[in-house]
Amino acid sequence: MLQPSGRSAIPQSIYTVYHANASSSKPLPSVLIDFIAIALCEVIPFRVFRRRSMQQLNPQNQHVQQTQSHARPRRLPELLYFIHKVTYQAGINCRTALVALILLDRAKASLPKNAVSSYDTSHRLLLGALLTATKVLQGTVWAPATPPLTNQRLCDICNGLFSLNDINQVERAFLKLIQYRCWVDDKDVNDYVIRHRSDFAL
C-alpha cells in the first residue's frame, strides 16, 4: 500500500501533483487525462481485421450475414471523453490515477508479444485499472473522500455501456493479467512520477 514519505523524496513541482488534495472533486489535470489515454493505447496494439462478408463468399449464406449484423459491437464513447467522465464521476484523484498507471504498466509487461486488442480493450483496461487502484488505496491516507468505487457504482457510471457482469469479468481478467500484483508502495509512485516528469510537463 502507499505510505506517506518525506517531502524531499521528489521535486517540489512533482510534489504538488502527487500530494494533491485527496478529497478534491475537481477533474484530473488534462495532461494526466491525455497521458492515461496514451498509456492505454500503448498497452496493446489495436488491429482491424477486414474480411469479406459471408454473402460475398457464398450467396446462400444470407442468414449468417443477417445474424452477424445483429451482433455488431456497441458504439463506445471516444476514449478521452470516457476517461474524463469515469474519473470525474468516480472521484479519482491524482494518486489513484498514478497507481492505476503503474498497474497498467504491469499489465503491459505481462502480455504476450503477439497480443492484439479489440475495439473495447482500452475502455476495459481503464475500468480494471481504476477499480483495482481504488480498492488498493481504500483504507489508506491516499483514499479519495468520495464513496468507495464498488463494481456496482462503476457500472452505474458507465450508464449501460458495461453491465455489472461485464465489470466483474473486467476486474477478474485485469487481476489475472497483472498476476495479482496489486501492491504499490510510495517508492513505486515516486519513481513513476520522476520517470515521466517530462510527460506530465513538470
C-alpha atoms as a PDB file:
ATOM      1  CA  MET A   1       0.000   0.000   0.000  1.00  0.00           C
ATOM      2  CA  LEU A   2       1.033   3.588  -0.391  1.00  0.00           C
ATOM      3  CA  GLN A   3       2.612   5.104   2.667  1.00  0.00           C
ATOM      4  CA  PRO A   4       3.392   8.814   3.127  1.00  0.00           C
ATOM      5  CA  SER A   5       7.028   9.721   2.796  1.00  0.00           C
ATOM      6  CA  GLY A   6       9.222  12.759   3.293  1.00  0.00           C
ATOM      7  CA  ARG A   7       8.713  15.761   1.085  1.00  0.00           C
ATOM      8  CA  SER A   8      12.325  15.665  -0.044  1.00  0.00           C
ATOM      9  CA  ALA A   9      11.762  12.385  -1.903  1.00  0.00           C
ATOM     10  CA  ILE A  10      10.528  14.190  -5.028  1.00  0.00           C
ATOM     11  CA  PRO A  11      10.955  17.656  -6.555  1.00  0.00           C
ATOM     12  CA  GLN A  12       8.644  20.482  -5.497  1.00  0.00           C
ATOM     13  CA  SER A  13       6.643  20.590  -8.747  1.00  0.00           C
ATOM     14  CA  ILE A  14       6.052  16.839  -8.690  1.00  0.00           C
ATOM     15  CA  TYR A  15       5.200  17.026  -5.008  1.00  0.00           C
ATOM     16  CA  THR A  16       2.379  19.440  -5.822  1.00  0.00           C
ATOM     17  CA  VAL A  17       0.709  16.993  -8.220  1.00  0.00           C
ATOM     18  CA  TYR A  18       1.456  13.826  -6.277  1.00  0.00           C
ATOM     19  CA  HIS A  19       0.204  15.223  -2.979  1.00  0.00           C
ATOM     20  CA  ALA A  20      -2.857  16.967  -4.376  1.00  0.00           C
ATOM     21  CA  ASN A  21      -5.810  17.087  -2.005  1.00  0.00           C
ATOM     22  CA  ALA A  22      -7.347  13.609  -1.902  1.00  0.00           C
ATOM     23  CA  SER A  23     -10.787  14.992  -1.103  1.00  0.00           C
ATOM     24  CA  SER A  24     -10.854  17.221  -4.183  1.00  0.00           C
ATOM     25  CA  SER A  25     -13.789  16.647  -6.532  1.00  0.00           C
ATOM     26  CA  LYS A  26     -12.103  18.536  -9.363  1.00  0.00           C
ATOM     27  CA  PRO A  27     -11.382  16.739 -12.645  1.00  0.00           C
ATOM     28  CA  LEU A  28      -7.925  15.315 -13.164  1.00  0.00           C
ATOM     29  CA  PRO A  29      -5.457  17.667 -14.892  1.00  0.00           C
ATOM     30  CA  SER A  30      -5.813  17.494 -18.669  1.00  0.00           C
ATOM     31  CA  VAL A  31      -2.172  16.476 -19.039  1.00  0.00           C
ATOM     32  CA  LEU A  32      -2.847  13.440 -16.834  1.00  0.00           C
ATOM     33  CA  ILE A  33      -6.024  12.565 -18.766  1.00  0.00           C
ATOM     34  CA  ASP A  34      -4.045  12.712 -22.011  1.00  0.00           C
ATOM     35  CA  PHE A  35      -1.258  10.593 -20.551  1.00  0.00           C
ATOM     36  CA  ILE A  36      -3.726   7.937 -19.374  1.00  0.00           C
ATOM     37  CA  ALA A  37      -5.180   7.751 -22.896  1.00  0.00           C
ATOM     38  CA  ILE A  38      -1.721   7.321 -24.410  1.00  0.00           C
ATOM     39  CA  ALA A  39      -0.799   4.691 -21.821  1.00  0.00           C
ATOM     40  CA  LEU A  40      -3.973   2.723 -22.539  1.00  0.00           C
ATOM     41  CA  CYS A  41      -3.345   2.745 -26.282  1.00  0.00           C
ATOM     42  CA  GLU A  42       0.229   1.576 -25.753  1.00  0.00           C
ATOM     43  CA  VAL A  43      -0.669  -1.400 -23.557  1.00  0.00           C
ATOM     44  CA  ILE A  44      -1.754  -3.487 -26.520  1.00  0.00           C
ATOM     45  CA  PRO A  45      -1.969  -2.592 -30.246  1.00  0.00           C
ATOM     46  CA  PHE A  46      -5.335  -2.409 -31.933  1.00  0.00           C
ATOM     47  CA  ARG A  47      -5.744  -4.179 -35.232  1.00  0.00           C
ATOM     48  CA  VAL A  48      -8.752  -4.044 -37.517  1.00  0.00           C
ATOM     49  CA  PHE A  49      -9.403  -7.257 -39.388  1.00  0.00           C
ATOM     50  CA  ARG A  50     -11.088  -6.777 -42.750  1.00  0.00           C
ATOM     51  CA  ARG A  51     -12.953  -9.778 -44.005  1.00  0.00           C
ATOM     52  CA  ARG A  52     -15.198 -10.315 -46.947  1.00  0.00           C
ATOM     53  CA  SER A  53     -18.740 -10.858 -45.834  1.00  0.00           C
ATOM     54  CA  MET A  54     -20.272 -14.300 -45.809  1.00  0.00           C
ATOM     55  CA  GLN A  55     -22.654 -13.080 -48.503  1.00  0.00           C
ATOM     56  CA  GLN A  56     -19.719 -12.341 -50.841  1.00  0.00           C
ATOM     57  CA  LEU A  57     -18.151 -15.715 -50.173  1.00  0.00           C
ATOM     58  CA  ASN A  58     -21.369 -17.617 -50.609  1.00  0.00           C
ATOM     59  CA  PRO A  59     -24.657 -16.034 -51.747  1.00  0.00           C
ATOM     60  CA  GLN A  60     -26.565 -18.825 -49.996  1.00  0.00           C
ATOM     61  CA  ASN A  61     -25.343 -17.655 -46.573  1.00  0.00           C
ATOM     62  CA  GLN A  62     -27.680 -14.676 -46.270  1.00  0.00           C
ATOM     63  CA  HIS A  63     -28.952 -15.799 -42.874  1.00  0.00           C
ATOM     64  CA  VAL A  64     -25.399 -15.849 -41.498  1.00  0.00           C
ATOM     65  CA  GLN A  65     -24.805 -12.289 -42.665  1.00  0.00           C
ATOM     66  CA  GLN A  66     -28.073 -11.143 -41.095  1.00  0.00           C
ATOM     67  CA  THR A  67     -27.163 -12.799 -37.797  1.00  0.00           C
ATOM     68  CA  GLN A  68     -23.777 -11.106 -37.796  1.00  0.00           C
ATOM     69  CA  SER A  69     -25.326  -7.710 -38.446  1.00  0.00           C
ATOM     70  CA  HIS A  70     -27.341  -8.037 -35.230  1.00  0.00           C
ATOM     71  CA  ALA A  71     -24.176  -8.838 -33.277  1.00  0.00           C
ATOM     72  CA  ARG A  72     -22.256  -5.707 -34.226  1.00  0.00           C
ATOM     73  CA  PRO A  73     -20.234  -4.143 -31.409  1.00  0.00           C
ATOM     74  CA  ARG A  74     -21.957  -1.420 -29.400  1.00  0.00           C
ATOM     75  CA  ARG A  75     -20.827   2.126 -30.011  1.00  0.00           C
ATOM     76  CA  LEU A  76     -18.361   3.286 -27.366  1.00  0.00           C
ATOM     77  CA  PRO A  77     -17.569   6.899 -26.474  1.00  0.00           C
ATOM     78  CA  GLU A  78     -14.289   8.446 -27.557  1.00  0.00           C
ATOM     79  CA  LEU A  79     -11.545   7.323 -25.183  1.00  0.00           C
ATOM     80  CA  LEU A  80     -10.529  10.762 -23.854  1.00  0.00           C
ATOM     81  CA  TYR A  81     -14.151  11.606 -23.077  1.00  0.00           C
ATOM     82  CA  PHE A  82     -14.651   8.230 -21.397  1.00  0.00           C
ATOM     83  CA  ILE A  83     -11.562   8.700 -19.221  1.00  0.00           C
ATOM     84  CA  HIS A  84     -12.693  12.184 -18.191  1.00  0.00           C
ATOM     85  CA  LYS A  85     -16.249  11.041 -17.447  1.00  0.00           C
ATOM     86  CA  VAL A  86     -15.312   7.965 -15.423  1.00  0.00           C
ATOM     87  CA  THR A  87     -12.500   9.573 -13.427  1.00  0.00           C
ATOM     88  CA  TYR A  88     -14.591  12.642 -12.585  1.00  0.00           C
ATOM     89  CA  GLN A  89     -17.774  10.812 -11.618  1.00  0.00           C
ATOM     90  CA  ALA A  90     -15.799   8.217  -9.650  1.00  0.00           C
ATOM     91  CA  GLY A  91     -13.885  10.938  -7.790  1.00  0.00           C
ATOM     92  CA  ILE A  92     -10.499   9.638  -8.927  1.00  0.00           C
ATOM     93  CA  ASN A  93      -7.661  11.774  -7.554  1.00  0.00           C
ATOM     94  CA  CYS A  94      -4.112  12.121  -8.887  1.00  0.00           C
ATOM     95  CA  ARG A  95      -2.678   9.477  -6.575  1.00  0.00           C
ATOM     96  CA  THR A  96      -5.277   6.909  -7.596  1.00  0.00           C
ATOM     97  CA  ALA A  97      -4.643   7.697 -11.260  1.00  0.00           C
ATOM     98  CA  LEU A  98      -0.904   7.199 -10.779  1.00  0.00           C
ATOM     99  CA  VAL A  99      -1.442   3.830  -9.101  1.00  0.00           C
ATOM    100  CA  ALA A 100      -3.722   2.831 -11.988  1.00  0.00           C
ATOM    101  CA  LEU A 101      -0.988   3.806 -14.460  1.00  0.00           C
ATOM    102  CA  ILE A 102       1.544   1.659 -12.606  1.00  0.00           C
ATOM    103  CA  LEU A 103      -0.875  -1.267 -12.750  1.00  0.00           C
ATOM    104  CA  LEU A 104      -1.298  -0.685 -16.499  1.00  0.00           C
ATOM    105  CA  ASP A 105       2.479  -0.929 -16.870  1.00  0.00           C
ATOM    106  CA  ARG A 106       2.360  -4.290 -15.117  1.00  0.00           C
ATOM    107  CA  ALA A 107      -0.447  -5.410 -17.406  1.00  0.00           C
ATOM    108  CA  LYS A 108       1.566  -4.433 -20.479  1.00  0.00           C
ATOM    109  CA  ALA A 109       4.611  -6.330 -19.215  1.00  0.00           C
ATOM    110  CA  SER A 110       2.528  -9.482 -18.709  1.00  0.00           C
ATOM    111  CA  LEU A 111       1.035  -9.584 -22.209  1.00  0.00           C
ATOM    112  CA  PRO A 112       2.459 -11.883 -24.882  1.00  0.00           C
ATOM    113  CA  LYS A 113       4.220 -10.062 -27.721  1.00  0.00           C
ATOM    114  CA  ASN A 114       1.627 -11.110 -30.297  1.00  0.00           C
ATOM    115  CA  ALA A 115      -1.367  -9.940 -28.245  1.00  0.00           C
ATOM    116  CA  VAL A 116      -3.897  -7.836 -30.178  1.00  0.00           C
ATOM    117  CA  SER A 117      -6.729  -5.792 -28.711  1.00  0.00           C
ATOM    118  CA  SER A 118     -10.367  -5.484 -29.734  1.00  0.00           C
ATOM    119  CA  TYR A 119     -12.433  -2.322 -30.117  1.00  0.00           C
ATOM    120  CA  ASP A 120     -13.238  -2.024 -26.389  1.00  0.00           C
ATOM    121  CA  THR A 121      -9.952  -3.199 -24.858  1.00  0.00           C
ATOM    122  CA  SER A 122      -8.733   0.279 -23.849  1.00  0.00           C
ATOM    123  CA  HIS A 123     -12.050   1.064 -22.157  1.00  0.00           C
ATOM    124  CA  ARG A 124     -11.967  -2.228 -20.262  1.00  0.00           C
ATOM    125  CA  LEU A 125      -8.345  -1.763 -19.222  1.00  0.00           C
ATOM    126  CA  LEU A 126      -9.224   1.661 -17.838  1.00  0.00           C
ATOM    127  CA  LEU A 127     -12.067   0.238 -15.762  1.00  0.00           C
ATOM    128  CA  GLY A 128      -9.956  -2.647 -14.484  1.00  0.00           C
ATOM    129  CA  ALA A 129      -7.028  -0.421 -13.545  1.00  0.00           C
ATOM    130  CA  LEU A 130      -9.140   2.233 -11.813  1.00  0.00           C
ATOM    131  CA  LEU A 131     -11.226  -0.310  -9.933  1.00  0.00           C
ATOM    132  CA  THR A 132      -8.144  -2.160  -8.713  1.00  0.00           C
ATOM    133  CA  ALA A 133      -6.310   1.054  -7.801  1.00  0.00           C
ATOM    134  CA  THR A 134      -9.196   2.405  -5.730  1.00  0.00           C
ATOM    135  CA  LYS A 135      -9.533  -0.880  -3.858  1.00  0.00           C
ATOM    136  CA  VAL A 136      -5.780  -0.965  -3.213  1.00  0.00           C
ATOM    137  CA  LEU A 137      -5.939   2.539  -1.733  1.00  0.00           C
ATOM    138  CA  GLN A 138      -9.126   2.003   0.257  1.00  0.00           C
ATOM    139  CA  GLY A 139      -8.465   2.483   3.952  1.00  0.00           C
ATOM    140  CA  THR A 140      -5.165   4.330   3.410  1.00  0.00           C
ATOM    141  CA  VAL A 141      -4.354   8.030   3.751  1.00  0.00           C
ATOM    142  CA  TRP A 142      -4.432   8.239  -0.045  1.00  0.00           C
ATOM    143  CA  ALA A 143      -8.027   7.066  -0.478  1.00  0.00           C
ATOM    144  CA  PRO A 144     -10.405   9.615  -2.040  1.00  0.00           C
ATOM    145  CA  ALA A 145     -13.008  11.136   0.246  1.00  0.00           C
ATOM    146  CA  THR A 146     -15.761  10.146  -2.189  1.00  0.00           C
ATOM    147  CA  PRO A 147     -17.816   6.970  -1.666  1.00  0.00           C
ATOM    148  CA  PRO A 148     -15.803   3.819  -2.417  1.00  0.00           C
ATOM    149  CA  LEU A 149     -15.761   2.796  -6.061  1.00  0.00           C
ATOM    150  CA  THR A 150     -17.609  -0.501  -5.988  1.00  0.00           C
ATOM    151  CA  ASN A 151     -18.336  -2.667  -9.001  1.00  0.00           C
ATOM    152  CA  GLN A 152     -21.982  -1.601  -8.919  1.00  0.00           C
ATOM    153  CA  ARG A 153     -21.103   2.096  -8.709  1.00  0.00           C
ATOM    154  CA  LEU A 154     -18.709   1.772 -11.638  1.00  0.00           C
ATOM    155  CA  CYS A 155     -21.445   0.010 -13.587  1.00  0.00           C
ATOM    156  CA  ASP A 156     -23.802   2.922 -12.873  1.00  0.00           C
ATOM    157  CA  ILE A 157     -21.156   5.418 -14.000  1.00  0.00           C
ATOM    158  CA  CYS A 158     -20.805   3.529 -17.289  1.00  0.00           C
ATOM    159  CA  ASN A 159     -24.527   4.140 -17.812  1.00  0.00           C
ATOM    160  CA  GLY A 160     -25.335   0.953 -19.694  1.00  0.00           C
ATOM    161  CA  LEU A 161     -22.099   0.603 -21.667  1.00  0.00           C
ATOM    162  CA  PHE A 162     -20.981  -2.263 -19.440  1.00  0.00           C
ATOM    163  CA  SER A 163     -23.222  -4.455 -17.308  1.00  0.00           C
ATOM    164  CA  LEU A 164     -22.392  -5.446 -13.739  1.00  0.00           C
ATOM    165  CA  ASN A 165     -21.407  -8.860 -15.054  1.00  0.00           C
ATOM    166  CA  ASP A 166     -19.080  -7.139 -17.538  1.00  0.00           C
ATOM    167  CA  ILE A 167     -17.480  -5.115 -14.728  1.00  0.00           C
ATOM    168  CA  ASN A 168     -16.986  -8.248 -12.629  1.00  0.00           C
ATOM    169  CA  GLN A 169     -15.354 -10.004 -15.581  1.00  0.00           C
ATOM    170  CA  VAL A 170     -13.150  -6.974 -16.280  1.00  0.00           C
ATOM    171  CA  GLU A 171     -11.928  -6.961 -12.683  1.00  0.00           C
ATOM    172  CA  ARG A 172     -11.143 -10.680 -12.655  1.00  0.00           C
ATOM    173  CA  ALA A 173      -9.389 -10.516 -16.025  1.00  0.00           C
ATOM    174  CA  PHE A 174      -7.303  -7.499 -15.012  1.00  0.00           C
ATOM    175  CA  LEU A 175      -6.206  -9.085 -11.738  1.00  0.00           C
ATOM    176  CA  LYS A 176      -5.227 -12.235 -13.604  1.00  0.00           C
ATOM    177  CA  LEU A 177      -3.343 -10.166 -16.195  1.00  0.00           C
ATOM    178  CA  ILE A 178      -1.225  -8.394 -13.570  1.00  0.00           C
ATOM    179  CA  GLN A 179      -0.803 -11.751 -11.820  1.00  0.00           C
ATOM    180  CA  TYR A 180      -2.496 -10.324  -8.710  1.00  0.00           C
ATOM    181  CA  ARG A 181       0.478  -7.999  -8.111  1.00  0.00           C
ATOM    182  CA  CYS A 182      -1.623  -5.157  -6.717  1.00  0.00           C
ATOM    183  CA  TRP A 183       0.884  -3.939  -4.154  1.00  0.00           C
ATOM    184  CA  VAL A 184       2.112  -0.390  -4.900  1.00  0.00           C
ATOM    185  CA  ASP A 185       4.320   1.436  -2.410  1.00  0.00           C
ATOM    186  CA  ASP A 186       5.343   5.060  -2.124  1.00  0.00           C
ATOM    187  CA  LYS A 187       8.666   4.468  -3.869  1.00  0.00           C
ATOM    188  CA  ASP A 188       6.884   2.928  -6.863  1.00  0.00           C
ATOM    189  CA  VAL A 189       4.793   6.060  -7.292  1.00  0.00           C
ATOM    190  CA  ASN A 190       7.682   8.474  -6.689  1.00  0.00           C
ATOM    191  CA  ASP A 191       9.832   6.649  -9.245  1.00  0.00           C
ATOM    192  CA  TYR A 192       6.998   6.577 -11.769  1.00  0.00           C
ATOM    193  CA  VAL A 193       6.332  10.310 -11.495  1.00  0.00           C
ATOM    194  CA  ILE A 194      10.021  11.181 -11.770  1.00  0.00           C
ATOM    195  CA  ARG A 195      10.434   8.853 -14.757  1.00  0.00           C
ATOM    196  CA  HIS A 196       7.544  10.554 -16.562  1.00  0.00           C
ATOM    197  CA  ARG A 197       8.024  14.096 -15.298  1.00  0.00           C
ATOM    198  CA  SER A 198       8.506  15.435 -18.840  1.00  0.00           C
ATOM    199  CA  ASP A 199       5.290  13.719 -19.964  1.00  0.00           C
ATOM    200  CA  PHE A 200       3.462  15.415 -17.100  1.00  0.00           C
ATOM    201  CA  ALA A 201       5.024  18.758 -18.086  1.00  0.00           C
ATOM    202  CA  LEU A 202       6.546  19.116 -14.617  1.00  0.00           C
END
